Amino acid sequence: MELRVGNKYRLGRKIGSGSFGDIYLGSNIATGEEVAIKLECVKTKHPQLHIESKFYKMMQGGVGIPSIKWCGAEGDYNVMVMELLGPSLEDLFNFCSRKFSLKTVLLLADQMISRIEYIHSKNFIHRDVKPDNFLMGLGKKGNLVYIIDFGLAKKYRDARTHQHIPYRENKNLTGTARYASINTHLGIEQSRRDDLESLGTGEDAERDRREGKEGEERAGPGQRGAGGRALPPGPNASVVNRVRNEPDTGPSNPAARGAQPSGNRSPQAGRAERAERERKVAMRLHRGAPANVSSSDLNARLDQSHMTSSQVNVPFEHLAK
């Protein structure tokens, strides 16, 4: 049974989740172009997809901002159709056995900072900066880093006067606790510096996760989260720091689930394999499409199962045409 969106796009298998919505693979019925389709039930308590689509439209034209193909409602669901992208930085990190060379880190950091700078220039902060929300492009754009998921973005200054929003305390945590800044955990209103601190938090958070020191909690407006770094003394510090002693709940990225250690191999063979994977990623960033990490390589490494459309429980049969 074929499922359609906007009578223009064919809905396929589920490929991930974003803030307050699930993401499916789709294709343009007329041209065959593959796209990503994000769905959100209109009956959800706090609908966010229509707000996120407005953020994307305001950011259109920037380097590393996915293009939006179509937005609207279909039956009981809000729908946003957007450009299909490649693996996330979390996926690539797993592909390289969770170790990047200095060259790769610098190539990535340069682009990631540029994406955040562009968002800030548009008078918004992202508030959920993490490896899962940076994706690589496909084809000729295979060396380009994209930033996604504006479901928690917020305006931080007036577009005309550039007056900053006021300082506030006792705010609920918004974002992913593992990557949130210290001030965010302390309940202070977020600003540009918190996006940048989240960008630099990744390595510490990943080390703590591997050591089993913390779990992950993603919080939206109206929720309080707790994350993994020791905080300075304060009313919330003891509660937040306790999370470091809780076991990890597992990989946050769906593509990383099910990845198994690779058999009994010699240390030399393991190092050679890791070096080759790292070389592919570095060349992808430096030169683009000719040295892309192939989807088959990545999926084999992560042991990711590929489901057909019939195997996915799509939650709205009324879209069938």
Protein backbone atom coordinates (compact mmCIF):
# COMPACT_ATOMS: atom_id res chain seq x y z
CA MET A 1 0.00 0.00 0.00
CA GLU A 2 1.56 3.27 -1.14
CA LEU A 3 1.48 6.20 1.27
CA ARG A 4 1.61 9.73 -0.11
CA VAL A 5 2.17 13.19 1.33
CA GLY A 6 0.82 16.30 -0.36
CA ASN A 7 -0.05 14.08 -3.34
CA LYS A 8 3.54 14.68 -4.45
CA TYR A 9 5.80 12.61 -2.21
CA ARG A 10 5.87 8.88 -1.52
CA LEU A 11 6.47 7.90 2.12
CA GLY A 12 9.02 5.17 2.91
CA ARG A 13 10.72 3.74 5.97
CA LYS A 14 11.45 5.53 9.22
CA ILE A 15 15.06 6.71 9.37
CA GLY A 16 15.25 8.69 12.60
CA SER A 17 13.72 11.08 15.10
CA GLY A 18 14.07 14.80 15.65
CA SER A 19 12.74 17.17 18.25
CA PHE A 20 9.09 16.22 18.77
CA GLY A 21 8.75 14.32 15.48
CA ASP A 22 9.74 11.23 13.49
CA ILE A 23 11.64 11.34 10.19
CA TYR A 24 10.91 9.10 7.21
CA LEU A 25 12.64 8.50 3.91
CA GLY A 26 10.53 9.69 0.99
CA SER A 27 10.73 10.36 -2.72
CA ASN A 28 9.26 12.78 -5.23
CA ILE A 29 6.70 10.81 -7.23
CA ALA A 30 7.38 12.74 -10.43
CA THR A 31 11.18 12.97 -10.37
CA GLY A 32 12.25 10.15 -8.04
CA GLU A 33 14.33 12.57 -5.94
CA GLU A 34 14.83 11.23 -2.42
CA VAL A 35 13.79 13.49 0.45
CA ALA A 36 13.38 13.42 4.23
CA ILE A 37 9.83 13.72 5.59
CA LYS A 38 9.27 14.82 9.18
CA LEU A 39 5.90 14.03 10.77
CA GLU A 40 4.21 15.27 13.94
CA CYS A 41 0.75 14.37 15.19
CA VAL A 42 -1.49 17.44 15.24
CA LYS A 43 -2.96 16.23 18.54
CA THR A 44 0.39 16.37 20.34
CA LYS A 45 0.31 18.43 23.52
CA HIS A 46 2.84 21.01 22.32
CA PRO A 47 2.96 21.09 18.49
CA GLN A 48 6.36 22.28 17.29
CA LEU A 49 6.78 21.27 13.65
CA HIS A 50 5.05 24.32 12.17
CA ILE A 51 7.31 26.54 14.30
CA GLU A 52 10.40 24.60 13.24
CA SER A 53 9.44 24.92 9.56
CA LYS A 54 9.27 28.70 9.98
CA PHE A 55 12.80 28.70 11.42
CA TYR A 56 14.06 26.69 8.44
CA LYS A 57 12.42 29.13 6.03
CA MET A 58 14.03 32.08 7.80
CA MET A 59 17.43 30.37 7.54
CA GLN A 60 17.08 29.43 3.85
CA GLY A 61 19.99 30.49 1.66
CA GLY A 62 22.68 29.90 4.25
CA VAL A 63 25.49 27.43 3.63
CA GLY A 64 24.78 24.15 5.38
CA ILE A 65 21.06 24.83 5.89
CA PRO A 66 18.80 22.08 4.43
CA SER A 67 16.32 23.23 1.79
CA ILE A 68 12.61 22.88 2.56
CA LYS A 69 10.54 21.31 -0.21
CA TRP A 70 7.01 21.39 1.21
CA CYS A 71 5.16 22.07 4.48
CA GLY A 72 1.56 21.47 5.40
CA ALA A 73 -0.95 19.17 7.06
CA GLU A 74 -1.93 15.71 5.87
CA GLY A 75 -4.76 14.05 7.76
CA ASP A 76 -3.88 13.99 11.45
CA TYR A 77 -0.24 14.95 10.88
CA ASN A 78 1.80 18.08 10.36
CA VAL A 79 4.37 17.39 7.64
CA MET A 80 7.65 18.97 6.57
CA VAL A 81 9.49 17.69 3.49
CA MET A 82 13.16 18.62 3.31
CA GLU A 83 16.44 17.86 1.59
CA LEU A 84 17.79 14.38 2.34
CA LEU A 85 21.17 14.42 4.05
CA GLY A 86 23.86 11.87 4.86
CA PRO A 87 25.26 10.51 8.14
CA SER A 88 25.46 12.58 11.31
CA LEU A 89 28.75 13.38 13.01
CA GLU A 90 27.72 10.89 15.68
CA ASP A 91 27.47 8.22 12.96
CA LEU A 92 30.88 9.15 11.55
CA PHE A 93 32.38 9.13 15.03
CA ASN A 94 31.11 5.58 15.55
CA PHE A 95 32.35 4.63 12.07
CA CYS A 96 35.85 5.74 13.12
CA SER A 97 35.70 3.75 16.38
CA ARG A 98 34.95 6.96 18.29
CA LYS A 99 38.25 8.65 17.52
CA PHE A 100 38.93 11.52 15.08
CA SER A 101 42.34 12.82 14.07
CA LEU A 102 43.25 16.43 14.79
CA LYS A 103 42.87 17.22 11.08
CA THR A 104 39.33 15.87 10.99
CA VAL A 105 38.37 17.71 14.19
CA LEU A 106 39.65 21.01 12.78
CA LEU A 107 37.89 20.53 9.43
CA LEU A 108 34.64 19.77 11.22
CA ALA A 109 34.96 22.50 13.85
CA ASP A 110 35.53 25.18 11.22
CA GLN A 111 32.24 24.34 9.51
CA MET A 112 30.29 23.77 12.72
CA ILE A 113 31.28 27.16 14.12
CA SER A 114 30.31 28.78 10.81
CA ARG A 115 26.84 27.19 10.96
CA ILE A 116 26.24 28.46 14.48
CA GLU A 117 27.59 31.89 13.56
CA TYR A 118 25.10 32.07 10.68
CA ILE A 119 22.17 31.16 12.94
CA HIS A 120 23.25 33.81 15.45
CA SER A 121 23.50 36.39 12.66
CA LYS A 122 19.80 35.74 12.00
CA ASN A 123 19.06 36.68 15.65
CA PHE A 124 18.39 33.13 16.85
CA ILE A 125 20.08 30.58 19.09
CA HIS A 126 19.81 26.84 18.40
CA ARG A 127 19.68 25.52 22.01
CA ASP A 128 20.29 21.87 21.02
CA VAL A 129 23.82 21.78 19.60
CA LYS A 130 25.16 18.20 19.57
CA PRO A 131 26.80 15.73 17.12
CA ASP A 132 23.43 14.20 16.17
CA ASN A 133 22.28 17.57 14.82
CA PHE A 134 25.18 18.02 12.40
CA LEU A 135 24.82 15.97 9.20
CA MET A 136 27.00 15.53 6.15
CA GLY A 137 25.65 16.27 2.69
CA LEU A 138 25.25 13.76 -0.13
CA GLY A 139 26.81 13.50 -3.59
CA LYS A 140 28.71 16.62 -4.63
CA LYS A 141 27.94 18.13 -1.22
CA GLY A 142 29.48 15.17 0.60
CA ASN A 143 32.09 17.36 2.31
CA LEU A 144 29.58 19.95 3.54
CA VAL A 145 28.39 19.95 7.17
CA TYR A 146 24.71 20.80 7.68
CA ILE A 147 22.96 21.82 10.89
CA ILE A 148 19.43 20.54 11.52
CA ASP A 149 16.63 20.40 14.09
CA PHE A 150 15.41 23.89 14.92
CA GLY A 151 12.59 22.62 17.13
CA LEU A 152 14.07 24.33 20.20
CA ALA A 153 15.50 27.46 18.54
CA LYS A 154 14.70 30.83 20.08
CA LYS A 155 15.10 34.50 19.20
CA TYR A 156 17.76 36.04 21.44
CA ARG A 157 17.74 39.66 20.21
CA ASP A 158 15.56 42.17 18.40
CA ALA A 159 16.26 42.13 14.66
CA ARG A 160 16.08 45.93 14.33
CA THR A 161 17.67 47.23 17.54
CA HIS A 162 19.79 44.14 18.36
CA GLN A 163 18.66 44.49 21.98
CA HIS A 164 19.35 41.21 23.80
CA ILE A 165 16.64 39.35 25.67
CA PRO A 166 16.81 40.01 29.44
CA TYR A 167 18.85 37.92 31.86
CA ARG A 168 16.67 35.44 33.73
CA GLU A 169 17.16 32.70 36.30
CA ASN A 170 15.19 29.62 37.37
CA LYS A 171 14.62 28.60 33.75
CA ASN A 172 13.80 25.00 32.86
CA LEU A 173 16.47 23.13 30.94
CA THR A 174 15.90 23.19 27.19
CA GLY A 175 18.02 20.93 24.99
CA THR A 176 19.95 17.70 25.54
CA ALA A 177 21.31 17.49 29.07
CA ARG A 178 24.57 15.76 28.12
CA TYR A 179 25.62 18.66 25.89
CA ALA A 180 23.99 21.56 27.75
CA SER A 181 26.14 24.38 29.14
CA ILE A 182 26.75 24.84 32.85
CA ASN A 183 24.60 27.98 32.95
CA THR A 184 21.77 26.08 31.26
CA HIS A 185 21.91 23.44 34.00
CA LEU A 186 21.88 26.22 36.58
CA GLY A 187 18.65 27.59 35.13
CA ILE A 188 20.06 30.72 33.48
CA GLU A 189 18.51 32.07 30.27
CA GLN A 190 20.43 30.75 27.26
CA SER A 191 22.29 32.97 24.81
CA ARG A 192 24.93 32.64 22.08
CA ARG A 193 27.67 31.53 24.45
CA ASP A 194 25.63 28.47 25.47
CA ASP A 195 25.46 27.25 21.86
CA LEU A 196 29.24 27.55 21.63
CA GLU A 197 29.80 25.84 24.98
CA SER A 198 27.60 22.94 23.85
CA LEU A 199 29.74 22.66 20.73
CA GLY A 200 32.86 22.26 22.85
CA THR A 201 31.25 19.93 25.37
CA GLY A 202 31.04 16.93 23.03
CA GLU A 203 34.34 15.23 23.80
CA ASP A 204 33.98 15.47 27.59
CA ALA A 205 30.42 14.17 27.35
CA GLU A 206 31.41 11.24 25.14
CA ARG A 207 34.25 10.27 27.49
CA ASP A 208 31.90 10.34 30.48
CA ARG A 209 29.35 8.28 28.56
CA ARG A 210 31.92 5.61 27.70
CA GLU A 211 32.89 5.46 31.37
CA GLY A 212 29.25 4.97 32.35
CA LYS A 213 29.07 8.16 34.38
CA GLU A 214 25.84 9.55 33.01
CA GLY A 215 22.58 9.00 31.20
CA GLU A 216 21.03 11.29 28.62
CA GLU A 217 17.91 13.33 28.96
CA ARG A 218 16.51 15.58 26.29
CA ALA A 219 14.31 18.33 27.63
CA GLY A 220 12.05 20.79 25.91
CA PRO A 221 10.31 23.85 27.29
CA GLY A 222 8.67 23.08 30.60
CA GLN A 223 11.02 20.21 31.50
CA ARG A 224 14.00 20.07 33.80
CA GLY A 225 16.95 17.92 32.76
CA ALA A 226 20.24 17.00 34.32
CA GLY A 227 23.56 16.30 32.67
CA GLY A 228 27.09 15.15 33.03
CA ARG A 229 29.62 17.75 34.17
CA ALA A 230 30.41 18.78 37.71
CA LEU A 231 28.81 22.14 38.44
CA PRO A 232 29.95 24.91 40.78
CA PRO A 233 28.23 25.07 44.16
CA GLY A 234 24.65 26.24 43.90
CA PRO A 235 21.04 25.24 44.55
CA ASN A 236 20.95 22.77 41.63
CA ALA A 237 24.51 21.49 41.71
CA SER A 238 24.02 18.48 43.99
CA VAL A 239 21.07 17.20 41.97
CA VAL A 240 22.81 17.66 38.62
CA ASN A 241 26.11 16.15 39.73
CA ARG A 242 24.37 12.98 40.96
CA VAL A 243 23.56 12.09 37.37
CA ARG A 244 27.26 11.34 36.83
CA ASN A 245 26.83 8.22 38.96
CA GLU A 246 23.92 6.85 36.96
CA PRO A 247 24.57 4.20 34.27
CA ASP A 248 24.23 5.08 30.62
CA THR A 249 21.04 4.03 28.88
CA GLY A 250 22.77 3.31 25.57
CA PRO A 251 23.54 5.14 22.33
CA SER A 252 21.32 8.15 21.68
CA ASN A 253 21.55 7.83 17.91
CA PRO A 254 19.21 5.19 16.42
CA ALA A 255 21.78 4.36 13.74
CA ALA A 256 24.30 3.38 16.40
CA ARG A 257 22.04 0.87 18.12
CA GLY A 258 22.91 -2.73 17.49
CA ALA A 259 26.56 -1.98 16.68
CA GLN A 260 28.63 -4.86 17.93
CA PRO A 261 32.33 -5.14 18.63
CA SER A 262 34.14 -6.61 15.69
CA GLY A 263 35.24 -10.19 16.56
CA ASN A 264 38.64 -11.39 17.65
CA ARG A 265 41.19 -9.41 15.70
CA SER A 266 44.76 -8.49 16.42
CA PRO A 267 45.45 -4.99 17.77
CA GLN A 268 47.46 -4.24 14.62
CA ALA A 269 44.53 -5.16 12.35
CA GLY A 270 42.16 -3.08 14.45
CA ARG A 271 44.44 -0.06 14.30
CA ALA A 272 44.84 -0.40 10.54
CA GLU A 273 41.09 -0.63 10.05
CA ARG A 274 40.47 2.42 12.23
CA ALA A 275 43.14 4.36 10.36
CA GLU A 276 41.54 3.52 7.01
CA ARG A 277 38.09 4.61 8.19
CA GLU A 278 39.56 7.83 9.57
CA ARG A 279 41.33 8.45 6.25
CA LYS A 280 38.04 8.11 4.37
CA VAL A 281 36.30 10.60 6.63
CA ALA A 282 39.17 13.11 6.46
CA MET A 283 39.26 12.88 2.65
CA ARG A 284 35.49 13.29 2.51
CA LEU A 285 35.77 16.55 4.43
CA HIS A 286 38.79 17.84 2.53
CA ARG A 287 37.93 16.88 -1.05
CA GLY A 288 34.25 16.05 -1.16
CA ALA A 289 32.44 13.45 -3.19
CA PRO A 290 35.38 11.46 -4.70
CA ALA A 291 36.37 10.18 -1.25
CA ASN A 292 32.94 9.87 0.33
CA VAL A 293 32.33 7.23 2.96
CA SER A 294 29.79 5.05 1.21
CA SER A 295 26.46 4.32 2.82
CA SER A 296 27.19 0.60 2.61
CA ASP A 297 30.48 1.06 4.49
CA LEU A 298 28.78 3.08 7.20
CA ASN A 299 25.79 0.80 7.59
CA ALA A 300 27.96 -2.31 7.68
CA ARG A 301 30.10 -0.77 10.41
CA LEU A 302 27.09 0.17 12.51
CA ASP A 303 25.28 -3.12 11.80
CA GLN A 304 22.22 -1.09 10.91
CA SER A 305 19.27 -3.03 9.57
CA HIS A 306 17.46 -1.68 6.51
CA MET A 307 13.68 -1.98 6.74
CA THR A 308 11.36 -1.93 3.78
CA SER A 309 8.27 0.27 3.76
CA SER A 310 6.09 -2.74 4.54
CA GLN A 311 8.13 -3.45 7.68
CA VAL A 312 7.62 0.03 9.11
CA ASN A 313 4.53 0.66 11.16
CA VAL A 314 3.55 4.00 9.61
CA PRO A 315 0.97 5.53 11.97
CA PHE A 316 -1.54 6.80 9.40
CA GLU A 317 -3.14 4.47 6.90
CA HIS A 318 -5.49 7.26 5.76
CA LEU A 319 -2.67 8.66 3.60
CA ALA A 320 -2.81 5.66 1.28
CA LYS A 321 -3.91 6.56 -2.22
